[in-house]
């Protein structure tokens, strides 16, 4: 014998409410870590106090990164090279940086207002 809809409805609503509340309270994924562009040309390093691209580009942040589903900030980037004990900074430039989760292990990155977004996936090395 099947339960009547009057019995099933409250149970279904309770389960749905719990599911929605749990997802609403869940923290967004963490952006910190290593990210690889879909085309394999770039690596993005996101740390709490800095962002780096590939081997030599380091960006200073105005504030530490926090756990969020989207980040927008102006960052100052430079190519960094070492000459003995001396650190050489070249090609310094300020950018508007925007990162947004597209999926839990996928980010879209924009490095200027006019730029097209670049898709990055979490790298597992």
N, C-alpha and C. Protein backbone atom coordinates (compact mmCIF):
# COMPACT_ATOMS: atom_id res chain seq x y z
N UNK A 1 0.84 -1.18 0.00
CA UNK A 1 0.00 0.00 0.00
C UNK A 1 0.88 1.25 0.00
N UNK A 2 0.58 2.19 -0.86
CA UNK A 2 1.35 3.41 -0.99
C UNK A 2 0.88 4.46 0.01
N UNK A 3 1.82 5.26 0.57
CA UNK A 3 1.39 6.35 1.46
C UNK A 3 0.65 7.41 0.66
N UNK A 4 -0.25 8.07 1.28
CA UNK A 4 -1.03 9.11 0.60
C UNK A 4 -0.16 10.36 0.39
N UNK A 5 -0.51 11.17 -0.60
CA UNK A 5 0.24 12.40 -0.84
C UNK A 5 0.26 13.31 0.39
N UNK A 6 -0.78 13.25 1.21
CA UNK A 6 -0.82 14.09 2.41
C UNK A 6 0.27 13.70 3.40
N UNK A 7 0.68 12.45 3.38
CA UNK A 7 1.74 11.98 4.27
C UNK A 7 3.11 12.31 3.66
N UNK A 8 3.26 12.14 2.36
CA UNK A 8 4.54 12.36 1.71
C UNK A 8 4.91 13.84 1.60
N UNK A 9 3.96 14.69 1.38
CA UNK A 9 4.22 16.12 1.15
C UNK A 9 5.02 16.76 2.29
N UNK A 10 4.60 16.65 3.57
CA UNK A 10 5.40 17.27 4.63
C UNK A 10 6.82 16.69 4.73
N UNK A 11 6.97 15.41 4.52
CA UNK A 11 8.31 14.80 4.58
C UNK A 11 9.20 15.33 3.45
N UNK A 12 8.65 15.46 2.26
CA UNK A 12 9.40 15.99 1.12
C UNK A 12 9.79 17.45 1.35
N UNK A 13 8.87 18.24 1.87
CA UNK A 13 9.14 19.65 2.13
C UNK A 13 10.22 19.80 3.20
N UNK A 14 10.20 18.98 4.21
CA UNK A 14 11.23 19.03 5.26
C UNK A 14 12.60 18.70 4.69
N UNK A 15 12.67 17.67 3.86
CA UNK A 15 13.93 17.28 3.25
C UNK A 15 14.45 18.38 2.31
N UNK A 16 13.56 18.98 1.52
CA UNK A 16 13.94 20.04 0.61
C UNK A 16 14.42 21.27 1.38
N UNK A 17 13.74 21.63 2.44
CA UNK A 17 14.14 22.78 3.26
C UNK A 17 15.52 22.55 3.86
N UNK A 18 15.78 21.38 4.39
CA UNK A 18 17.09 21.06 4.96
C UNK A 18 18.17 21.13 3.90
N UNK A 19 17.91 20.60 2.72
CA UNK A 19 18.87 20.64 1.61
C UNK A 19 19.20 22.08 1.22
N UNK A 20 18.19 22.92 1.07
CA UNK A 20 18.40 24.31 0.66
C UNK A 20 19.14 25.09 1.74
N UNK A 21 18.80 24.89 2.99
CA UNK A 21 19.47 25.60 4.08
C UNK A 21 20.93 25.18 4.19
N UNK A 22 21.21 23.91 4.03
CA UNK A 22 22.59 23.41 4.10
C UNK A 22 23.42 24.02 2.99
N UNK A 23 22.89 24.07 1.77
CA UNK A 23 23.62 24.65 0.64
C UNK A 23 23.77 26.16 0.79
N UNK A 24 22.78 26.84 1.33
CA UNK A 24 22.86 28.28 1.50
C UNK A 24 23.92 28.65 2.53
N UNK A 25 24.11 27.81 3.54
CA UNK A 25 25.07 28.10 4.59
C UNK A 25 26.47 27.61 4.26
N UNK A 26 26.63 26.81 3.21
CA UNK A 26 27.93 26.26 2.85
C UNK A 26 28.86 27.37 2.38
N UNK A 27 30.13 27.27 2.76
CA UNK A 27 31.12 28.24 2.32
C UNK A 27 31.46 27.99 0.86
N UNK A 28 31.79 29.06 0.12
CA UNK A 28 32.24 28.85 -1.26
C UNK A 28 33.59 28.14 -1.26
N UNK A 29 33.96 27.53 -2.37
CA UNK A 29 35.27 26.88 -2.45
C UNK A 29 36.39 27.90 -2.24
N UNK A 30 37.54 27.42 -1.88
CA UNK A 30 38.69 28.26 -1.61
C UNK A 30 39.46 28.52 -2.90
N UNK A 31 39.74 29.79 -3.22
CA UNK A 31 40.48 30.14 -4.44
C UNK A 31 41.98 29.95 -4.30
N UNK A 32 42.47 29.81 -3.09
CA UNK A 32 43.91 29.69 -2.90
C UNK A 32 44.42 28.40 -3.53
N UNK A 33 45.60 28.48 -4.13
CA UNK A 33 46.18 27.30 -4.74
C UNK A 33 46.72 27.61 -6.13
N UNK A 34 46.98 26.56 -6.87
CA UNK A 34 47.55 26.66 -8.22
C UNK A 34 46.47 26.36 -9.25
N UNK A 35 46.39 27.23 -10.27
CA UNK A 35 45.38 27.13 -11.31
C UNK A 35 46.07 27.13 -12.67
N UNK A 36 45.60 26.31 -13.60
CA UNK A 36 46.16 26.21 -14.95
C UNK A 36 45.12 26.69 -15.96
N UNK A 37 45.57 27.49 -16.92
CA UNK A 37 44.64 27.94 -17.96
C UNK A 37 44.23 26.76 -18.82
N UNK A 38 43.04 26.84 -19.38
CA UNK A 38 42.53 25.75 -20.22
C UNK A 38 43.44 25.48 -21.43
N UNK A 39 44.08 26.55 -21.94
CA UNK A 39 44.95 26.34 -23.10
C UNK A 39 46.36 25.87 -22.71
N UNK A 40 46.64 25.78 -21.40
CA UNK A 40 47.92 25.28 -20.92
C UNK A 40 49.06 26.28 -20.99
N UNK A 41 48.77 27.53 -21.31
CA UNK A 41 49.83 28.53 -21.47
C UNK A 41 50.18 29.27 -20.19
N UNK A 42 49.26 29.33 -19.24
CA UNK A 42 49.49 30.12 -18.04
C UNK A 42 49.23 29.31 -16.78
N UNK A 43 49.99 29.65 -15.74
CA UNK A 43 49.74 29.10 -14.41
C UNK A 43 49.49 30.29 -13.49
N UNK A 44 48.48 30.19 -12.69
CA UNK A 44 48.09 31.23 -11.74
C UNK A 44 48.27 30.68 -10.34
N UNK A 45 49.02 31.42 -9.51
CA UNK A 45 49.23 31.04 -8.12
C UNK A 45 48.48 32.04 -7.26
N UNK A 46 47.50 31.58 -6.53
CA UNK A 46 46.73 32.47 -5.67
C UNK A 46 47.07 32.12 -4.22
N UNK A 47 47.71 33.06 -3.55
CA UNK A 47 48.06 32.92 -2.15
C UNK A 47 47.31 33.99 -1.38
N UNK A 48 47.28 33.86 -0.09
CA UNK A 48 46.49 34.79 0.72
C UNK A 48 46.94 36.23 0.53
N UNK A 49 48.26 36.47 0.38
CA UNK A 49 48.76 37.84 0.30
C UNK A 49 49.34 38.24 -1.04
N UNK A 50 49.30 37.34 -2.03
CA UNK A 50 49.83 37.68 -3.35
C UNK A 50 49.25 36.77 -4.42
N UNK A 51 49.39 37.22 -5.64
CA UNK A 51 48.98 36.45 -6.81
C UNK A 51 50.18 36.41 -7.74
N UNK A 52 50.45 35.26 -8.33
CA UNK A 52 51.56 35.14 -9.26
C UNK A 52 51.13 34.50 -10.55
N UNK A 53 51.80 34.87 -11.62
CA UNK A 53 51.54 34.29 -12.93
C UNK A 53 52.83 33.70 -13.47
N UNK A 54 52.75 32.46 -13.91
CA UNK A 54 53.89 31.77 -14.52
C UNK A 54 55.10 31.81 -13.59
N UNK A 55 56.28 32.09 -14.11
CA UNK A 55 57.49 31.99 -13.29
C UNK A 55 57.93 33.30 -12.66
N UNK A 56 57.62 34.45 -13.27
CA UNK A 56 58.25 35.68 -12.82
C UNK A 56 57.31 36.82 -12.46
N UNK A 57 56.04 36.72 -12.71
CA UNK A 57 55.14 37.83 -12.44
C UNK A 57 54.50 37.67 -11.07
N UNK A 58 54.70 38.69 -10.23
CA UNK A 58 54.16 38.69 -8.88
C UNK A 58 53.31 39.94 -8.70
N UNK A 59 52.13 39.76 -8.10
CA UNK A 59 51.20 40.86 -7.90
C UNK A 59 50.95 41.07 -6.41
N UNK A 60 51.03 42.33 -6.00
CA UNK A 60 50.75 42.70 -4.62
C UNK A 60 49.26 42.98 -4.49
N UNK A 61 48.68 42.54 -3.38
CA UNK A 61 47.26 42.72 -3.14
C UNK A 61 47.03 43.84 -2.13
N UNK A 62 45.94 44.60 -2.29
CA UNK A 62 45.64 45.65 -1.31
C UNK A 62 45.13 45.08 0.02
N UNK A 63 44.64 43.85 -0.01
CA UNK A 63 44.13 43.18 1.20
C UNK A 63 44.25 41.68 0.97
N UNK A 64 44.39 40.90 2.05
CA UNK A 64 44.50 39.44 1.88
C UNK A 64 43.24 38.85 1.24
N UNK A 65 43.43 37.79 0.46
CA UNK A 65 42.30 37.09 -0.13
C UNK A 65 41.53 36.35 0.96
N UNK A 66 40.24 36.37 0.86
CA UNK A 66 39.39 35.64 1.79
C UNK A 66 38.58 34.63 1.01
N UNK A 67 37.96 33.71 1.72
CA UNK A 67 37.12 32.72 1.06
C UNK A 67 35.88 33.43 0.54
N UNK A 68 35.71 33.42 -0.78
CA UNK A 68 34.58 34.09 -1.43
C UNK A 68 34.35 33.43 -2.78
N UNK A 69 33.18 33.62 -3.33
CA UNK A 69 32.90 33.06 -4.65
C UNK A 69 33.33 34.00 -5.77
N UNK A 70 33.67 35.24 -5.39
CA UNK A 70 34.11 36.23 -6.38
C UNK A 70 35.06 37.22 -5.71
N UNK A 71 36.09 37.63 -6.44
CA UNK A 71 37.06 38.60 -5.95
C UNK A 71 37.24 39.65 -7.03
N UNK A 72 37.17 40.93 -6.64
CA UNK A 72 37.47 42.04 -7.55
C UNK A 72 38.35 43.01 -6.79
N UNK A 73 39.52 43.32 -7.37
CA UNK A 73 40.41 44.28 -6.72
C UNK A 73 41.43 44.78 -7.72
N UNK A 74 42.00 45.93 -7.40
CA UNK A 74 43.08 46.47 -8.20
C UNK A 74 44.38 45.90 -7.64
N UNK A 75 45.20 45.32 -8.52
CA UNK A 75 46.45 44.71 -8.08
C UNK A 75 47.62 45.34 -8.84
N UNK A 76 48.76 45.39 -8.20
CA UNK A 76 49.98 45.93 -8.80
C UNK A 76 50.91 44.76 -9.09
N UNK A 77 51.26 44.59 -10.36
CA UNK A 77 52.06 43.44 -10.78
C UNK A 77 53.39 43.90 -11.38
N UNK A 78 54.39 43.04 -11.23
CA UNK A 78 55.70 43.31 -11.82
C UNK A 78 56.38 41.98 -12.13
N UNK A 79 57.25 42.01 -13.12
CA UNK A 79 58.10 40.86 -13.38
C UNK A 79 59.28 40.95 -12.42
N UNK A 80 59.57 39.84 -11.75
CA UNK A 80 60.61 39.79 -10.73
C UNK A 80 61.74 38.90 -11.21
N UNK A 81 62.96 39.43 -11.14
CA UNK A 81 64.15 38.67 -11.49
C UNK A 81 65.20 38.85 -10.40
N UNK A 82 66.06 37.90 -10.26
CA UNK A 82 67.13 37.98 -9.27
C UNK A 82 68.46 38.15 -9.99
N UNK A 83 69.23 39.11 -9.51
CA UNK A 83 70.58 39.33 -10.01
C UNK A 83 71.50 39.25 -8.80
N UNK A 84 72.00 38.06 -8.54
CA UNK A 84 72.77 37.84 -7.31
C UNK A 84 71.84 37.97 -6.11
N UNK A 85 72.14 38.89 -5.23
CA UNK A 85 71.29 39.14 -4.05
C UNK A 85 70.26 40.23 -4.31
N UNK A 86 70.34 40.85 -5.48
CA UNK A 86 69.44 41.96 -5.80
C UNK A 86 68.17 41.46 -6.50
N UNK A 87 67.03 42.04 -6.11
CA UNK A 87 65.75 41.73 -6.75
C UNK A 87 65.45 42.86 -7.73
N UNK A 88 65.23 42.48 -8.97
CA UNK A 88 64.93 43.46 -10.02
C UNK A 88 63.45 43.37 -10.37
N UNK A 89 62.76 44.51 -10.32
CA UNK A 89 61.34 44.59 -10.69
C UNK A 89 61.23 45.34 -12.01
N UNK A 90 60.59 44.72 -12.99
CA UNK A 90 60.42 45.35 -14.30
C UNK A 90 58.97 45.27 -14.73
N UNK A 91 58.61 46.16 -15.64
CA UNK A 91 57.29 46.18 -16.27
C UNK A 91 56.17 46.24 -15.23
N UNK A 92 56.30 47.12 -14.25
CA UNK A 92 55.26 47.26 -13.23
C UNK A 92 54.02 47.88 -13.84
N UNK A 93 52.89 47.31 -13.48
CA UNK A 93 51.61 47.79 -14.02
C UNK A 93 50.51 47.46 -13.02
N UNK A 94 49.48 48.30 -13.00
CA UNK A 94 48.33 48.08 -12.13
C UNK A 94 47.16 47.61 -12.98
N UNK A 95 46.47 46.58 -12.50
CA UNK A 95 45.35 45.98 -13.23
C UNK A 95 44.12 45.90 -12.34
N UNK A 96 42.98 45.87 -12.98
CA UNK A 96 41.75 45.47 -12.30
C UNK A 96 41.67 43.96 -12.47
N UNK A 97 41.69 43.23 -11.35
CA UNK A 97 41.68 41.78 -11.35
C UNK A 97 40.32 41.30 -10.85
N UNK A 98 39.72 40.38 -11.59
CA UNK A 98 38.44 39.80 -11.18
C UNK A 98 38.53 38.28 -11.35
N UNK A 99 38.18 37.56 -10.29
CA UNK A 99 38.15 36.10 -10.33
C UNK A 99 36.79 35.66 -9.82
N UNK A 100 36.19 34.72 -10.53
CA UNK A 100 34.86 34.23 -10.14
C UNK A 100 34.81 32.73 -10.38
N UNK A 101 34.25 32.03 -9.40
CA UNK A 101 34.08 30.59 -9.60
C UNK A 101 33.04 30.34 -10.67
N UNK A 102 33.41 29.49 -11.63
CA UNK A 102 32.49 29.02 -12.66
C UNK A 102 31.94 27.66 -12.25
N UNK A 103 32.79 26.90 -11.55
CA UNK A 103 32.47 25.60 -10.96
C UNK A 103 33.43 25.44 -9.79
N UNK A 104 33.25 24.44 -8.93
CA UNK A 104 34.12 24.32 -7.76
C UNK A 104 35.62 24.27 -8.07
N UNK A 105 36.04 23.71 -9.19
CA UNK A 105 37.45 23.66 -9.55
C UNK A 105 37.73 24.40 -10.85
N UNK A 106 36.95 25.47 -11.10
CA UNK A 106 37.12 26.22 -12.33
C UNK A 106 36.85 27.71 -12.05
N UNK A 107 37.81 28.56 -12.45
CA UNK A 107 37.69 30.01 -12.27
C UNK A 107 37.69 30.72 -13.61
N UNK A 108 36.97 31.83 -13.68
CA UNK A 108 37.13 32.75 -14.80
C UNK A 108 37.91 33.93 -14.25
N UNK A 109 38.92 34.36 -14.99
CA UNK A 109 39.80 35.46 -14.58
C UNK A 109 39.75 36.54 -15.64
N UNK A 110 39.61 37.78 -15.18
CA UNK A 110 39.70 38.94 -16.07
C UNK A 110 40.78 39.85 -15.50
N UNK A 111 41.73 40.24 -16.34
CA UNK A 111 42.84 41.09 -15.91
C UNK A 111 42.74 42.48 -16.52
N UNK A 112 41.59 43.02 -16.68
CA UNK A 112 41.40 44.38 -17.16
C UNK A 112 39.93 44.50 -17.54
N UNK A 113 39.43 45.69 -17.56
CA UNK A 113 38.01 45.90 -17.88
C UNK A 113 37.67 45.42 -19.29
N UNK A 114 38.58 45.61 -20.23
CA UNK A 114 38.28 45.29 -21.62
C UNK A 114 38.65 43.86 -22.01
N UNK A 115 39.30 43.14 -21.13
CA UNK A 115 39.79 41.80 -21.48
C UNK A 115 38.67 40.77 -21.46
N UNK A 116 38.85 39.75 -22.28
CA UNK A 116 37.95 38.61 -22.26
C UNK A 116 38.33 37.71 -21.09
N UNK A 117 37.36 37.04 -20.48
CA UNK A 117 37.71 36.14 -19.38
C UNK A 117 38.53 34.94 -19.87
N UNK A 118 39.47 34.52 -19.02
CA UNK A 118 40.26 33.33 -19.27
C UNK A 118 39.83 32.28 -18.27
N UNK A 119 39.63 31.07 -18.73
CA UNK A 119 39.19 29.98 -17.87
C UNK A 119 40.41 29.27 -17.30
N UNK A 120 40.40 29.07 -15.99
CA UNK A 120 41.45 28.33 -15.30
C UNK A 120 40.83 27.18 -14.54
N UNK A 121 41.54 26.06 -14.50
CA UNK A 121 41.13 24.90 -13.72
C UNK A 121 42.19 24.64 -12.65
N UNK A 122 41.74 24.12 -11.52
CA UNK A 122 42.69 23.82 -10.44
C UNK A 122 43.71 22.81 -10.94
N UNK A 123 45.00 23.09 -10.72
CA UNK A 123 46.08 22.19 -11.11
C UNK A 123 46.34 21.24 -9.95
N UNK A 124 46.47 19.99 -10.26
CA UNK A 124 46.84 18.99 -9.26
C UNK A 124 48.18 18.42 -9.66
N UNK A 125 49.25 18.92 -9.05
CA UNK A 125 50.60 18.48 -9.41
C UNK A 125 51.07 17.40 -8.49
